[in-house]
Amino acid sequence: MRNDWRFRDLIFACALPAIVVCVLLIFFLSGCAARVAKPAPRPALPPAVKSVPRPPPVPAPPPKITVPPDVPKPHVLSPMPKSQGRLVRLTPEQLPAFADDMDLTSLEAAIEKSLRFYSRTAGNGSFPMDDSQVTIEDLRVSLIAIQEILRGDMSVDARQALIAETFDVYQSTGLDGENNVLYTGYFEPILEGSLIRTERFRYPVYRAPDDAIRVNLGRFGEKFAGEQLVGRVRNGELIPYYKRGEIEDMGSLAGRGLEIAWVDDRVDLFFLHIQGSGKIRLPNGEILQIGYALKNGHPYRSVGKHLIETGRVQAQGGSHRAIKKYLREHPEELSEIFNHNESYVFFRALERGPVGAIGEILTPGRSIATDAAVFPRGALAFIRARKPVFDGEGNIAAWAPFTRFTVNQDAGAAIKGAGRVDLFCGTGDEAEMLAGSLAERGALYFLVKKRPHSSAAK
């Protein structure tokens, strides 16, 4: 889902002062409209069972800013990709405290979706994790094992000991090899729309055009593996497909019957493109579910960064909420601002959604998006970070540490490397508020049931 989806516009960077501009830039929608008041002091991360000698304490996070999921989320069911060696096995003394701040039902729902994914994944490919190779079967039995443990009636200490005994735990080396991971959030917006064009509903949501040709460059040589082009044929030559401005302002696709629906808000439609998935509420109350189908092939460029660089939004106040406010107050500038991002997303109607990169519906709070070239799809993960606590007016009143089990079920164009995780926050305004607030440093772990040949099992 976290598309150009995962509730799924800005750029990312990890060190001040760059993170002040870049982190909230990747955002133009990792989030949502966060109502950011003066942030309250942030508590420390929850303590691990024992202190970890490596790395040094996580530095205090930078000023609160929002980072978006730069999606489209490709729906890839191919064999496991090659790892970049970004996971390190922990010793028993280094393990975090495996507490979970959510209900077991939501985790089991997410796990069942990964199990379905593994049941239809062809091949026996393995994934490098530290000094071992982890197979799809290893990942599958790990999901079943954690279900059995969490269903058991036991004390916190007994559960911690049983998890340590059952699993090898691998920690991401993070942004810079120091185990720091940047967490952002994404969500699924709800737009008001119609199946026919009217005075109110005049902004089209397009399906993928028949003349948009996708070229998998990997077929032409290994050096192009993972790269693709989208173009159209003119006079026997493949040329780039239409840019955003050509589609939205010049009507390059008008009159071709490609409209899935029409919506009433151009700003919300732009955010829908960034999230890559959403719902459209029709006049009769019915909900039309749509999801990512294709991009036009042009590179994504951050509109949030553009607004900051042109002095229209201040870097310190460049939250999703501030960006959205500026766009609504300056409708005469929308074409110029939006066309800065030449990337354009085409959608498809779905029976249910939102659908992540493993082809399964995402679970709010449990599904995460990561780089599929670094972390195994569908795998059991554990996260530690901070989350905002909102007051009755929707302002951030405090920051609270949280830990929980999650499942790696999505991907995103801006979610790259071992130091980026995007948390799917859900659907609608509250999810948008939460996702738009997240830009937090934390830690990421993957759990694999111990195997006889694994180093830790010997």
Protein backbone atom coordinates (compact mmCIF):
# COMPACT_ATOMS: atom_id res chain seq x y z
CA MET A 1 0.00 0.00 0.00
CA ARG A 2 2.52 2.70 0.95
CA ASN A 3 2.92 3.54 -2.75
CA ASP A 4 4.36 6.99 -4.18
CA TRP A 5 0.24 3.54 0.04
CA ARG A 6 2.54 1.50 3.23
CA PHE A 7 -2.38 4.95 5.65
CA ARG A 8 0.93 4.45 3.18
CA ASP A 9 5.69 13.02 1.05
CA LEU A 10 8.94 13.93 2.11
CA ILE A 11 12.52 12.84 2.10
CA PHE A 12 14.53 11.09 4.64
CA ALA A 13 17.83 11.73 6.32
CA CYS A 14 19.14 10.61 9.61
CA ALA A 15 21.30 13.31 11.13
CA LEU A 16 20.57 16.85 12.20
CA PRO A 17 20.30 19.28 10.63
CA ALA A 18 19.49 17.25 7.54
CA ILE A 19 16.80 15.23 9.31
CA VAL A 20 14.89 18.42 10.08
CA VAL A 21 14.42 18.97 6.37
CA CYS A 22 14.66 15.46 5.04
CA VAL A 23 12.80 13.36 7.53
CA LEU A 24 9.69 15.33 7.30
CA LEU A 25 10.16 15.40 3.69
CA ILE A 26 10.01 11.75 2.99
CA PHE A 27 6.79 12.30 4.62
CA PHE A 28 4.38 13.94 2.43
CA LEU A 29 2.65 11.10 3.72
CA SER A 30 4.04 8.56 5.79
CA GLY A 31 1.61 10.16 7.52
CA CYS A 32 -1.30 11.93 8.00
CA ALA A 33 -2.49 15.15 9.28
CA ALA A 34 -0.79 15.32 12.59
CA ARG A 35 -2.00 18.02 14.84
CA VAL A 36 1.27 18.91 16.40
CA ALA A 37 1.27 21.09 19.44
CA LYS A 38 4.41 21.74 21.42
CA PRO A 39 5.78 18.25 21.92
CA ALA A 40 5.90 17.10 25.50
CA PRO A 41 9.17 15.74 26.86
CA ARG A 42 9.78 12.29 25.45
CA PRO A 43 10.37 9.35 27.73
CA ALA A 44 13.20 6.97 27.23
CA LEU A 45 12.73 3.77 25.26
CA PRO A 46 11.48 0.82 27.31
CA PRO A 47 14.36 -0.98 28.96
CA ALA A 48 15.62 -4.24 27.59
CA VAL A 49 15.99 -7.25 29.85
CA LYS A 50 19.66 -6.43 30.18
CA SER A 51 21.56 -3.50 28.83
CA VAL A 52 23.12 -4.05 25.44
CA PRO A 53 26.82 -3.29 25.33
CA ARG A 54 26.54 -2.31 21.69
CA PRO A 55 25.55 0.31 20.46
CA PRO A 56 25.77 3.48 22.58
CA PRO A 57 22.47 4.88 23.89
CA VAL A 58 20.08 6.07 21.22
CA PRO A 59 20.40 9.85 20.97
CA ALA A 60 17.42 12.01 21.78
CA PRO A 61 15.21 12.27 18.71
CA PRO A 62 15.24 15.47 16.68
CA PRO A 63 12.41 18.00 16.77
CA LYS A 64 9.06 16.44 15.86
CA ILE A 65 8.55 16.26 12.14
CA THR A 66 6.58 14.05 9.85
CA VAL A 67 7.93 11.70 7.26
CA PRO A 68 5.76 10.13 4.56
CA PRO A 69 5.72 6.84 2.92
CA ASP A 70 6.99 7.45 -0.46
CA VAL A 71 4.98 4.66 -2.04
CA PRO A 72 3.91 2.77 -4.50
CA LYS A 73 3.91 -0.60 -2.92
CA PRO A 74 4.63 -3.22 -5.52
CA HIS A 75 2.74 -6.47 -5.02
CA VAL A 76 5.67 -8.85 -5.37
CA LEU A 77 5.37 -12.55 -4.66
CA SER A 78 8.72 -13.54 -6.16
CA PRO A 79 11.38 -15.57 -4.29
CA MET A 80 13.22 -13.96 -1.41
CA PRO A 81 15.72 -11.26 -2.50
CA LYS A 82 19.39 -11.13 -1.61
CA SER A 83 20.17 -9.57 1.76
CA GLN A 84 22.68 -6.79 2.33
CA GLY A 85 23.93 -8.28 5.61
CA ARG A 86 22.12 -5.81 7.85
CA LEU A 87 20.97 -8.20 10.59
CA VAL A 88 23.10 -9.20 13.58
CA ARG A 89 22.28 -12.07 15.94
CA LEU A 90 21.99 -11.00 19.58
CA THR A 91 23.26 -12.83 22.63
CA PRO A 92 20.77 -13.71 25.39
CA GLU A 93 22.07 -10.75 27.41
CA GLN A 94 21.25 -8.34 24.58
CA LEU A 95 17.61 -9.28 24.08
CA PRO A 96 14.90 -6.65 24.57
CA ALA A 97 11.93 -7.20 26.88
CA PHE A 98 9.28 -8.77 24.65
CA ALA A 99 6.26 -6.84 25.92
CA ASP A 100 3.38 -6.07 23.55
CA ASP A 101 1.08 -3.04 23.80
CA MET A 102 -1.67 -4.43 21.53
CA ASP A 103 -4.17 -7.28 21.64
CA LEU A 104 -3.24 -10.81 20.61
CA THR A 105 -6.17 -11.04 18.18
CA SER A 106 -4.71 -8.39 15.88
CA LEU A 107 -1.32 -10.11 15.84
CA GLU A 108 -2.85 -13.49 15.04
CA ALA A 109 -4.80 -11.93 12.17
CA ALA A 110 -1.59 -10.46 10.74
CA ILE A 111 0.29 -13.75 11.20
CA GLU A 112 -2.38 -15.71 9.33
CA LYS A 113 -1.90 -13.43 6.32
CA SER A 114 1.84 -14.07 6.27
CA LEU A 115 1.20 -17.81 6.55
CA ARG A 116 -1.05 -17.61 3.49
CA PHE A 117 1.69 -15.73 1.67
CA TYR A 118 4.25 -18.42 2.50
CA SER A 119 1.86 -21.18 1.45
CA ARG A 120 1.78 -19.84 -2.10
CA THR A 121 5.40 -18.66 -2.37
CA ALA A 122 7.26 -20.84 -4.84
CA GLY A 123 10.87 -21.89 -4.54
CA ASN A 124 13.24 -22.80 -1.75
CA GLY A 125 15.22 -19.58 -1.67
CA SER A 126 16.96 -18.57 1.53
CA PHE A 127 17.65 -15.24 3.15
CA PRO A 128 21.02 -14.37 4.77
CA MET A 129 20.69 -13.31 8.42
CA ASP A 130 24.02 -12.69 10.10
CA ASP A 131 26.05 -15.89 9.61
CA SER A 132 23.13 -18.17 8.70
CA GLN A 133 20.68 -18.79 5.87
CA VAL A 134 16.98 -18.57 6.77
CA THR A 135 14.46 -20.36 4.56
CA ILE A 136 10.81 -19.63 3.92
CA GLU A 137 10.00 -22.69 6.00
CA ASP A 138 12.06 -21.28 8.89
CA LEU A 139 10.07 -18.06 8.71
CA ARG A 140 6.78 -19.94 8.56
CA VAL A 141 7.41 -22.10 11.62
CA SER A 142 8.61 -19.01 13.50
CA LEU A 143 5.18 -17.40 13.09
CA ILE A 144 3.47 -20.51 14.39
CA ALA A 145 5.86 -20.75 17.33
CA ILE A 146 5.23 -17.20 18.54
CA GLN A 147 1.47 -17.79 18.35
CA GLU A 148 1.77 -20.83 20.60
CA ILE A 149 3.90 -18.96 23.13
CA LEU A 150 1.68 -15.87 23.33
CA ARG A 151 -1.45 -17.99 23.72
CA GLY A 152 0.05 -19.67 26.76
CA ASP A 153 -0.92 -18.70 30.30
CA MET A 154 2.37 -17.78 31.94
CA SER A 155 4.10 -14.96 33.77
CA VAL A 156 5.94 -12.17 31.99
CA ASP A 157 9.29 -13.57 33.09
CA ALA A 158 8.41 -17.08 31.96
CA ARG A 159 7.30 -15.81 28.55
CA GLN A 160 10.50 -13.80 28.17
CA ALA A 161 12.60 -16.86 29.02
CA LEU A 162 10.65 -19.09 26.64
CA ILE A 163 11.03 -16.65 23.74
CA ALA A 164 14.78 -16.41 24.41
CA GLU A 165 15.00 -20.20 24.48
CA THR A 166 12.93 -20.68 21.31
CA PHE A 167 14.18 -17.97 18.96
CA ASP A 168 17.32 -16.56 17.44
CA VAL A 169 16.86 -12.78 17.58
CA TYR A 170 18.46 -10.57 14.91
CA GLN A 171 18.72 -6.80 15.26
CA SER A 172 18.87 -4.39 12.35
CA THR A 173 22.09 -2.41 12.20
CA GLY A 174 19.95 0.57 11.32
CA LEU A 175 20.63 3.90 9.71
CA ASP A 176 24.37 4.02 10.18
CA GLY A 177 25.37 0.69 11.68
CA GLU A 178 24.51 1.90 15.18
CA ASN A 179 21.15 0.06 15.43
CA ASN A 180 19.07 3.25 15.10
CA VAL A 181 15.95 2.83 12.96
CA LEU A 182 13.67 5.65 11.82
CA TYR A 183 9.98 4.82 12.24
CA THR A 184 7.34 6.63 10.23
CA GLY A 185 3.68 5.87 9.67
CA TYR A 186 1.28 5.58 6.75
CA PHE A 187 -2.48 5.26 6.47
CA GLU A 188 -5.42 4.70 4.17
CA PRO A 189 -7.40 7.88 3.39
CA ILE A 190 -11.16 8.08 2.83
CA LEU A 191 -12.24 10.42 0.04
CA GLU A 192 -15.69 11.61 -1.03
CA GLY A 193 -16.45 10.69 -4.62
CA SER A 194 -18.81 9.60 -7.36
CA LEU A 195 -18.84 7.15 -10.26
CA ILE A 196 -19.86 9.98 -12.58
CA ARG A 197 -18.48 13.46 -13.04
CA THR A 198 -20.51 16.29 -11.52
CA GLU A 199 -19.97 19.93 -10.62
CA ARG A 200 -18.68 18.81 -7.22
CA PHE A 201 -16.86 15.61 -8.19
CA ARG A 202 -14.54 16.66 -11.00
CA TYR A 203 -11.10 15.22 -10.19
CA PRO A 204 -10.55 11.81 -11.83
CA VAL A 205 -9.03 8.70 -10.29
CA TYR A 206 -7.52 6.80 -13.22
CA ARG A 207 -6.98 3.10 -13.83
CA ALA A 208 -3.79 1.99 -15.60
CA PRO A 209 -3.98 2.92 -19.32
CA ASP A 210 -3.61 0.18 -21.93
CA ASP A 211 -0.85 2.09 -23.70
CA ALA A 212 1.33 2.24 -20.56
CA ILE A 213 4.05 -0.34 -21.23
CA ARG A 214 6.04 -1.67 -18.28
CA VAL A 215 9.58 -2.80 -19.15
CA ASN A 216 11.42 -5.10 -16.75
CA LEU A 217 15.03 -4.12 -17.42
CA GLY A 218 16.28 -7.15 -15.52
CA ARG A 219 15.35 -9.21 -18.57
CA PHE A 220 18.02 -7.37 -20.54
CA GLY A 221 20.89 -8.05 -18.17
CA GLU A 222 21.73 -8.79 -14.54
CA LYS A 223 23.14 -5.30 -14.03
CA PHE A 224 19.59 -3.95 -14.46
CA ALA A 225 18.02 -6.36 -11.96
CA GLY A 226 15.15 -4.77 -10.05
CA GLU A 227 14.85 -1.79 -12.41
CA GLN A 228 11.90 -1.05 -14.64
CA LEU A 229 10.63 1.59 -17.05
CA VAL A 230 7.09 2.66 -17.90
CA GLY A 231 6.57 4.25 -21.28
CA ARG A 232 4.42 4.42 -24.40
CA VAL A 233 5.12 3.77 -28.06
CA ARG A 234 5.18 6.67 -30.51
CA ASN A 235 6.28 6.17 -34.11
CA GLY A 236 7.75 2.81 -33.22
CA GLU A 237 9.84 4.22 -30.36
CA LEU A 238 9.33 3.71 -26.63
CA ILE A 239 9.19 7.11 -24.95
CA PRO A 240 8.48 8.14 -21.32
CA TYR A 241 4.85 8.07 -20.26
CA TYR A 242 2.92 11.26 -19.56
CA LYS A 243 4.04 13.29 -16.54
CA ARG A 244 1.69 14.43 -13.79
CA GLY A 245 1.23 17.87 -15.31
CA GLU A 246 0.40 16.41 -18.71
CA ILE A 247 -2.23 14.17 -17.13
CA GLU A 248 -3.79 16.60 -14.66
CA ASP A 249 -3.49 19.96 -16.41
CA MET A 250 -3.31 19.06 -20.10
CA GLY A 251 -5.87 16.23 -20.04
CA SER A 252 -3.66 13.66 -21.76
CA LEU A 253 -5.90 10.80 -20.58
CA ALA A 254 -9.27 12.58 -20.72
CA GLY A 255 -12.03 11.04 -22.78
CA ARG A 256 -10.56 7.53 -22.81
CA GLY A 257 -12.93 6.00 -20.26
CA LEU A 258 -10.15 5.36 -17.76
CA GLU A 259 -11.89 6.98 -14.77
CA ILE A 260 -12.58 4.62 -11.88
CA ALA A 261 -14.30 7.43 -10.00
CA TRP A 262 -14.30 11.21 -9.49
CA VAL A 263 -13.48 12.93 -6.18
CA ASP A 264 -14.16 16.40 -4.84
CA ASP A 265 -10.83 17.38 -3.31
CA ARG A 266 -7.63 17.79 -5.29
CA VAL A 267 -5.43 17.94 -2.21
CA ASP A 268 -6.83 14.70 -0.79
CA LEU A 269 -6.41 13.09 -4.20
CA PHE A 270 -2.72 14.03 -4.22
CA PHE A 271 -2.29 12.42 -0.80
CA LEU A 272 -4.10 9.34 -2.08
CA HIS A 273 -1.39 9.06 -4.75
CA ILE A 274 1.28 9.20 -2.08
CA GLN A 275 -0.40 6.58 0.13
CA GLY A 276 -1.17 4.32 -2.84
CA SER A 277 -4.42 2.94 -1.47
CA GLY A 278 -7.67 4.29 -0.14
CA LYS A 279 -11.43 4.26 0.06
CA ILE A 280 -13.92 6.43 -1.85
CA ARG A 281 -17.29 7.04 -0.19
CA LEU A 282 -19.98 7.31 -2.87
CA PRO A 283 -23.11 9.51 -2.57
CA ASN A 284 -25.28 6.48 -1.68
CA GLY A 285 -22.95 5.59 1.20
CA GLU A 286 -21.26 2.67 -0.52
CA ILE A 287 -17.48 2.38 -0.25
CA LEU A 288 -15.27 1.84 -3.27
CA GLN A 289 -11.95 0.26 -2.32
CA ILE A 290 -9.01 1.13 -4.58
CA GLY A 291 -5.36 0.16 -4.55
CA TYR A 292 -2.11 0.77 -6.36
CA ALA A 293 -1.88 -0.57 -9.92
CA LEU A 294 0.97 1.22 -11.70
CA LYS A 295 3.12 4.35 -11.73
CA ASN A 296 3.84 6.45 -14.79
CA GLY A 297 7.56 5.69 -14.45
CA HIS A 298 8.75 9.19 -13.55
CA PRO A 299 10.78 9.57 -10.35
CA TYR A 300 9.07 10.66 -7.17
CA ARG A 301 10.02 14.15 -5.96
CA SER A 302 9.05 15.47 -2.55
CA VAL A 303 6.54 18.29 -2.58
CA GLY A 304 7.20 18.94 1.10
CA LYS A 305 10.87 19.54 0.43
CA HIS A 306 9.91 21.78 -2.48
CA LEU A 307 7.71 23.93 -0.23
CA ILE A 308 10.50 24.29 2.31
CA GLU A 309 13.17 25.07 -0.26
CA THR A 310 10.97 27.76 -1.82
CA GLY A 311 10.31 29.33 1.59
CA ARG A 312 6.59 28.66 1.65
CA VAL A 313 6.75 26.34 4.65
CA GLN A 314 9.29 26.62 7.45
CA ALA A 315 11.53 23.61 8.03
CA GLN A 316 10.80 23.56 11.75
CA GLY A 317 7.08 23.61 11.09
CA GLY A 318 7.03 21.43 8.01
CA SER A 319 4.71 18.78 9.37
CA HIS A 320 2.09 17.07 7.29
CA ARG A 321 -0.49 19.28 8.94
CA ALA A 322 1.40 22.46 7.98
CA ILE A 323 1.89 21.31 4.41
CA LYS A 324 -1.76 20.43 4.01
CA LYS A 325 -2.80 23.78 5.48
CA TYR A 326 -0.61 25.67 3.01
CA LEU A 327 -2.01 23.74 0.06
CA ARG A 328 -5.61 24.47 1.06
CA GLU A 329 -4.89 28.16 1.59
CA HIS A 330 -3.18 28.57 -1.81
CA PRO A 331 -5.31 26.73 -4.39
CA GLU A 332 -3.87 28.91 -7.17
CA GLU A 333 -0.45 27.29 -6.59
CA LEU A 334 -1.55 23.65 -6.62
CA SER A 335 -0.61 22.89 -10.22
CA GLU A 336 2.89 24.30 -9.85
CA ILE A 337 3.42 22.53 -6.51
CA PHE A 338 1.98 19.16 -7.49
CA ASN A 339 3.71 19.11 -10.87
CA HIS A 340 7.04 19.34 -9.07
CA ASN A 341 6.39 15.64 -8.44
CA GLU A 342 6.15 14.22 -11.97
CA SER A 343 5.31 10.77 -10.63
CA TYR A 344 1.67 9.74 -11.05
CA VAL A 345 -0.15 6.70 -9.66
CA PHE A 346 -2.83 4.63 -11.37
CA PHE A 347 -5.28 2.59 -9.31
CA ARG A 348 -7.43 -0.49 -9.51
CA ALA A 349 -10.72 -1.37 -7.86
CA LEU A 350 -10.46 -3.99 -5.13
CA GLU A 351 -13.02 -6.09 -3.31
CA ARG A 352 -11.19 -5.54 -0.04
CA GLY A 353 -8.15 -3.68 1.11
CA PRO A 354 -5.69 -2.19 1.70
CA VAL A 355 -3.42 -4.78 0.13
CA GLY A 356 0.29 -4.87 0.95
CA ALA A 357 3.31 -6.04 -1.01
CA ILE A 358 2.76 -9.70 -0.07
CA GLY A 359 -0.70 -9.61 -1.64
CA GLU A 360 -2.57 -9.66 1.68
CA ILE A 361 -4.71 -7.06 3.46
CA LEU A 362 -2.68 -5.06 5.98
CA THR A 363 -3.43 -5.11 9.71
CA PRO A 364 -3.41 -1.71 11.49
CA GLY A 365 -0.62 -1.45 14.02
CA ARG A 366 0.77 -4.87 13.10
CA SER A 367 1.87 -4.58 9.46
CA ILE A 368 5.13 -2.82 8.67
CA ALA A 369 6.76 -1.80 5.41
CA THR A 370 10.51 -2.26 4.98
CA ASP A 371 13.06 -2.64 2.20
CA ALA A 372 12.50 -6.07 0.64
CA ALA A 373 16.16 -6.17 -0.40
CA VAL A 374 17.20 -6.01 3.25
CA PHE A 375 14.54 -7.78 5.33
CA PRO A 376 12.54 -10.96 4.57
CA ARG A 377 8.94 -10.52 3.42
CA GLY A 378 6.23 -11.83 5.70
CA ALA A 379 8.62 -12.35 8.62
CA LEU A 380 8.01 -11.94 12.34
CA ALA A 381 9.46 -8.69 13.71
CA PHE A 382 9.56 -6.84 17.03
CA ILE A 383 9.72 -3.06 17.25
CA ARG A 384 10.66 -0.52 19.92
CA ALA A 385 9.90 3.17 19.47
CA ARG A 386 7.77 6.04 20.80
CA LYS A 387 4.23 7.02 19.89
CA PRO A 388 2.28 10.25 20.43
CA VAL A 389 -0.46 10.63 23.01
CA PHE A 390 -3.14 13.08 21.85
CA ASP A 391 -5.37 15.32 23.93
CA GLY A 392 -9.06 15.93 23.25
CA GLU A 393 -8.24 18.58 20.65
CA GLY A 394 -5.95 16.30 18.67
CA ASN A 395 -2.75 17.95 19.87
CA ILE A 396 0.23 15.90 21.02
CA ALA A 397 0.19 15.93 24.81
CA ALA A 398 3.02 13.46 25.43
CA TRP A 399 5.20 10.74 23.94
CA ALA A 400 5.05 7.19 25.26
CA PRO A 401 7.46 4.31 24.64
CA PHE A 402 5.94 1.21 23.10
CA THR A 403 6.99 -2.26 22.01
CA ARG A 404 5.10 -4.85 19.98
CA PHE A 405 5.34 -7.78 17.62
CA THR A 406 4.73 -6.92 13.99
CA VAL A 407 4.85 -8.68 10.62
CA ASN A 408 6.83 -7.46 7.61
CA GLN A 409 4.11 -7.29 4.95
CA ASP A 410 4.63 -4.19 2.81
CA ALA A 411 7.21 -2.10 0.96
CA GLY A 412 7.60 1.48 -0.23
CA ALA A 413 9.63 3.46 -2.73
CA ALA A 414 11.05 5.70 0.02
CA ILE A 415 11.53 2.91 2.55
CA LYS A 416 15.08 1.91 1.73
CA GLY A 417 17.93 0.41 3.70
CA ALA A 418 18.23 -1.17 7.11
CA GLY A 419 17.24 1.99 8.97
CA ARG A 420 13.70 2.63 7.72
CA VAL A 421 10.39 1.17 8.87
CA ASP A 422 6.92 2.39 7.98
CA LEU A 423 4.10 1.36 10.34
CA PHE A 424 0.62 0.96 8.87
CA CYS A 425 -1.64 2.98 11.17
CA GLY A 426 -5.05 2.15 9.74
CA THR A 427 -7.84 3.99 7.93
CA GLY A 428 -9.36 7.44 8.28
CA ASP A 429 -8.72 10.63 10.24
CA GLU A 430 -7.34 9.14 13.47
CA ALA A 431 -4.94 6.94 11.55
CA GLU A 432 -3.88 9.97 9.51
CA MET A 433 -3.23 11.93 12.69
CA LEU A 434 -1.08 9.14 14.14
CA ALA A 435 0.81 8.41 10.93
CA GLY A 436 1.44 12.09 10.30
CA SER A 437 3.06 12.43 13.72
CA LEU A 438 5.53 9.57 13.54
CA ALA A 439 9.18 10.29 12.84
CA GLU A 440 10.82 8.43 15.71
CA ARG A 441 14.11 6.68 16.33
CA GLY A 442 13.80 3.14 17.65
CA ALA A 443 15.03 -0.45 17.23
CA LEU A 444 13.99 -3.31 14.94
CA TYR A 445 14.38 -7.05 15.54
CA PHE A 446 13.50 -10.20 13.60
CA LEU A 447 12.81 -13.51 15.33
CA VAL A 448 13.54 -16.92 13.78
CA LYS A 449 12.89 -20.20 15.53
CA LYS A 450 16.19 -21.85 16.41
CA ARG A 451 17.37 -24.53 14.02
CA PRO A 452 19.77 -27.39 14.82
CA HIS A 453 22.38 -25.92 12.50
CA SER A 454 22.17 -22.35 13.78
CA SER A 455 25.13 -21.02 15.76
CA ALA A 456 22.99 -20.06 18.73
CA ALA A 457 21.54 -23.57 18.93
CA LYS A 458 24.90 -25.24 19.28
